[in-house]
Amino acid sequence: MSETPSQAPLSPIAAFARAHDPDRFLCALFAPAERRDALFA
């Protein structure tokens, strides 16, 4: 069986966006990882 790759933990602002603004969170996942926190703010 194959293992699922581990995911990097969410930053506090990403976790907040995931909980309170799921549309913004999902759209930001298409951006490069190093730019995502700016999109959550």
PDB file of N, CA and C in Angstrom:
ATOM      1  N   MET A   1       0.835  -1.187   0.000  1.00  0.00           N
ATOM      2  CA  MET A   1       0.000   0.000   0.000  1.00  0.00           C
ATOM      3  C   MET A   1       0.874   1.243   0.000  1.00  0.00           C
ATOM      4  N   SER A   2       0.374   2.257  -0.633  1.00  0.00           N
ATOM      5  CA  SER A   2       1.130   3.510  -0.654  1.00  0.00           C
ATOM      6  C   SER A   2       0.681   4.403   0.491  1.00  0.00           C
ATOM      7  N   GLU A   3       1.624   5.176   0.980  1.00  0.00           N
ATOM      8  CA  GLU A   3       1.310   6.100   2.063  1.00  0.00           C
ATOM      9  C   GLU A   3       0.983   7.466   1.499  1.00  0.00           C
ATOM     10  N   THR A   4       0.136   8.182   2.190  1.00  0.00           N
ATOM     11  CA  THR A   4      -0.199   9.541   1.787  1.00  0.00           C
ATOM     12  C   THR A   4       0.951  10.457   2.171  1.00  0.00           C
ATOM     13  N   PRO A   5       1.349  11.367   1.269  1.00  0.00           N
ATOM     14  CA  PRO A   5       2.427  12.287   1.643  1.00  0.00           C
ATOM     15  C   PRO A   5       1.993  13.176   2.800  1.00  0.00           C
ATOM     16  N   SER A   6       2.934  13.463   3.675  1.00  0.00           N
ATOM     17  CA  SER A   6       2.590  14.314   4.814  1.00  0.00           C
ATOM     18  C   SER A   6       2.368  15.741   4.346  1.00  0.00           C
ATOM     19  N   GLN A   7       1.450  16.405   4.992  1.00  0.00           N
ATOM     20  CA  GLN A   7       1.126  17.779   4.640  1.00  0.00           C
ATOM     21  C   GLN A   7       1.789  18.712   5.634  1.00  0.00           C
ATOM     22  N   ALA A   8       2.215  19.860   5.139  1.00  0.00           N
ATOM     23  CA  ALA A   8       2.784  20.869   6.029  1.00  0.00           C
ATOM     24  C   ALA A   8       1.666  21.414   6.905  1.00  0.00           C
ATOM     25  N   PRO A   9       1.961  21.687   8.159  1.00  0.00           N
ATOM     26  CA  PRO A   9       0.919  22.249   9.030  1.00  0.00           C
ATOM     27  C   PRO A   9       0.491  23.634   8.543  1.00  0.00           C
ATOM     28  N   LEU A  10      -0.757  23.973   8.796  1.00  0.00           N
ATOM     29  CA  LEU A  10      -1.272  25.280   8.386  1.00  0.00           C
ATOM     30  C   LEU A  10      -0.747  26.373   9.300  1.00  0.00           C
ATOM     31  N   SER A  11      -0.503  27.523   8.714  1.00  0.00           N
ATOM     32  CA  SER A  11      -0.153  28.684   9.529  1.00  0.00           C
ATOM     33  C   SER A  11      -1.413  29.105  10.287  1.00  0.00           C
ATOM     34  N   PRO A  12      -1.259  29.881  11.343  1.00  0.00           N
ATOM     35  CA  PRO A  12      -2.450  30.317  12.091  1.00  0.00           C
ATOM     36  C   PRO A  12      -3.459  31.068  11.219  1.00  0.00           C
ATOM     37  N   ILE A  13      -2.985  31.905  10.299  1.00  0.00           N
ATOM     38  CA  ILE A  13      -3.926  32.656   9.458  1.00  0.00           C
ATOM     39  C   ILE A  13      -4.613  31.737   8.449  1.00  0.00           C
ATOM     40  N   ALA A  14      -3.912  30.710   7.979  1.00  0.00           N
ATOM     41  CA  ALA A  14      -4.531  29.744   7.071  1.00  0.00           C
ATOM     42  C   ALA A  14      -5.598  28.930   7.801  1.00  0.00           C
ATOM     43  N   ALA A  15      -5.327  28.546   9.026  1.00  0.00           N
ATOM     44  CA  ALA A  15      -6.312  27.805   9.815  1.00  0.00           C
ATOM     45  C   ALA A  15      -7.552  28.655  10.069  1.00  0.00           C
ATOM     46  N   PHE A  16      -7.347  29.949  10.332  1.00  0.00           N
ATOM     47  CA  PHE A  16      -8.478  30.856  10.541  1.00  0.00           C
ATOM     48  C   PHE A  16      -9.306  30.965   9.258  1.00  0.00           C
ATOM     49  N   ALA A  17      -8.633  31.133   8.115  1.00  0.00           N
ATOM     50  CA  ALA A  17      -9.345  31.233   6.836  1.00  0.00           C
ATOM     51  C   ALA A  17     -10.090  29.937   6.533  1.00  0.00           C
ATOM     52  N   ARG A  18      -9.475  28.811   6.830  1.00  0.00           N
ATOM     53  CA  ARG A  18     -10.125  27.525   6.586  1.00  0.00           C
ATOM     54  C   ARG A  18     -11.409  27.400   7.395  1.00  0.00           C
ATOM     55  N   ALA A  19     -11.379  27.869   8.633  1.00  0.00           N
ATOM     56  CA  ALA A  19     -12.542  27.756   9.511  1.00  0.00           C
ATOM     57  C   ALA A  19     -13.619  28.791   9.214  1.00  0.00           C
ATOM     58  N   HIS A  20     -13.217  30.005   8.828  1.00  0.00           N
ATOM     59  CA  HIS A  20     -14.175  31.107   8.744  1.00  0.00           C
ATOM     60  C   HIS A  20     -14.437  31.627   7.334  1.00  0.00           C
ATOM     61  N   ASP A  21     -13.592  31.269   6.369  1.00  0.00           N
ATOM     62  CA  ASP A  21     -13.775  31.742   4.988  1.00  0.00           C
ATOM     63  C   ASP A  21     -13.321  30.639   4.030  1.00  0.00           C
ATOM     64  N   PRO A  22     -14.092  29.550   3.964  1.00  0.00           N
ATOM     65  CA  PRO A  22     -13.651  28.399   3.174  1.00  0.00           C
ATOM     66  C   PRO A  22     -13.452  28.698   1.690  1.00  0.00           C
ATOM     67  N   ASP A  23     -14.214  29.627   1.123  1.00  0.00           N
ATOM     68  CA  ASP A  23     -14.018  29.964  -0.291  1.00  0.00           C
ATOM     69  C   ASP A  23     -12.637  30.566  -0.522  1.00  0.00           C
ATOM     70  N   ARG A  24     -12.245  31.491   0.343  1.00  0.00           N
ATOM     71  CA  ARG A  24     -10.916  32.107   0.225  1.00  0.00           C
ATOM     72  C   ARG A  24      -9.827  31.053   0.432  1.00  0.00           C
ATOM     73  N   PHE A  25     -10.030  30.177   1.405  1.00  0.00           N
ATOM     74  CA  PHE A  25      -9.044  29.140   1.689  1.00  0.00           C
ATOM     75  C   PHE A  25      -8.839  28.243   0.468  1.00  0.00           C
ATOM     76  N   LEU A  26      -9.923  27.767  -0.114  1.00  0.00           N
ATOM     77  CA  LEU A  26      -9.806  26.863  -1.258  1.00  0.00           C
ATOM     78  C   LEU A  26      -9.192  27.548  -2.475  1.00  0.00           C
ATOM     79  N   CYS A  27      -9.562  28.778  -2.733  1.00  0.00           N
ATOM     80  CA  CYS A  27      -8.986  29.511  -3.868  1.00  0.00           C
ATOM     81  C   CYS A  27      -7.497  29.753  -3.665  1.00  0.00           C
ATOM     82  N   ALA A  28      -7.093  30.032  -2.443  1.00  0.00           N
ATOM     83  CA  ALA A  28      -5.681  30.310  -2.164  1.00  0.00           C
ATOM     84  C   ALA A  28      -4.809  29.076  -2.356  1.00  0.00           C
ATOM     85  N   LEU A  29      -5.381  27.894  -2.295  1.00  0.00           N
ATOM     86  CA  LEU A  29      -4.593  26.681  -2.489  1.00  0.00           C
ATOM     87  C   LEU A  29      -4.024  26.581  -3.904  1.00  0.00           C
ATOM     88  N   PHE A  30      -4.575  27.328  -4.843  1.00  0.00           N
ATOM     89  CA  PHE A  30      -4.058  27.324  -6.211  1.00  0.00           C
ATOM     90  C   PHE A  30      -2.841  28.234  -6.370  1.00  0.00           C
ATOM     91  N   ALA A  31      -2.583  29.070  -5.396  1.00  0.00           N
ATOM     92  CA  ALA A  31      -1.434  29.982  -5.437  1.00  0.00           C
ATOM     93  C   ALA A  31      -0.184  29.239  -4.959  1.00  0.00           C
ATOM     94  N   PRO A  32       0.993  29.737  -5.340  1.00  0.00           N
ATOM     95  CA  PRO A  32       2.228  29.131  -4.828  1.00  0.00           C
ATOM     96  C   PRO A  32       2.258  29.188  -3.297  1.00  0.00           C
ATOM     97  N   ALA A  33       2.792  28.158  -2.680  1.00  0.00           N
ATOM     98  CA  ALA A  33       2.778  28.042  -1.216  1.00  0.00           C
ATOM     99  C   ALA A  33       3.377  29.254  -0.523  1.00  0.00           C
ATOM    100  N   GLU A  34       4.431  29.823  -1.093  1.00  0.00           N
ATOM    101  CA  GLU A  34       5.083  30.959  -0.434  1.00  0.00           C
ATOM    102  C   GLU A  34       4.256  32.234  -0.490  1.00  0.00           C
ATOM    103  N   ARG A  35       3.200  32.262  -1.282  1.00  0.00           N
ATOM    104  CA  ARG A  35       2.348  33.455  -1.410  1.00  0.00           C
ATOM    105  C   ARG A  35       0.995  33.318  -0.724  1.00  0.00           C
ATOM    106  N   ARG A  36       0.665  32.150  -0.231  1.00  0.00           N
ATOM    107  CA  ARG A  36      -0.686  31.901   0.289  1.00  0.00           C
ATOM    108  C   ARG A  36      -1.050  32.745   1.491  1.00  0.00           C
ATOM    109  N   ASP A  37      -0.153  32.892   2.450  1.00  0.00           N
ATOM    110  CA  ASP A  37      -0.499  33.655   3.655  1.00  0.00           C
ATOM    111  C   ASP A  37      -0.920  35.073   3.321  1.00  0.00           C
ATOM    112  N   ALA A  38      -0.321  35.670   2.299  1.00  0.00           N
ATOM    113  CA  ALA A  38      -0.716  37.024   1.894  1.00  0.00           C
ATOM    114  C   ALA A  38      -2.149  37.027   1.364  1.00  0.00           C
ATOM    115  N   LEU A  39      -2.562  35.955   0.727  1.00  0.00           N
ATOM    116  CA  LEU A  39      -3.927  35.882   0.202  1.00  0.00           C
ATOM    117  C   LEU A  39      -4.954  35.651   1.310  1.00  0.00           C
ATOM    118  N   PHE A  40      -4.544  35.019   2.380  1.00  0.00           N
ATOM    119  CA  PHE A  40      -5.460  34.791   3.495  1.00  0.00           C
ATOM    120  C   PHE A  40      -5.712  36.063   4.288  1.00  0.00           C
ATOM    121  N   ALA A  41      -4.761  36.981   4.273  1.00  0.00           N
ATOM    122  CA  ALA A  41      -4.878  38.205   5.080  1.00  0.00           C
ATOM    123  C   ALA A  41      -5.918  39.146   4.511  1.00  0.00           C
TER     124      ALA A  41
END
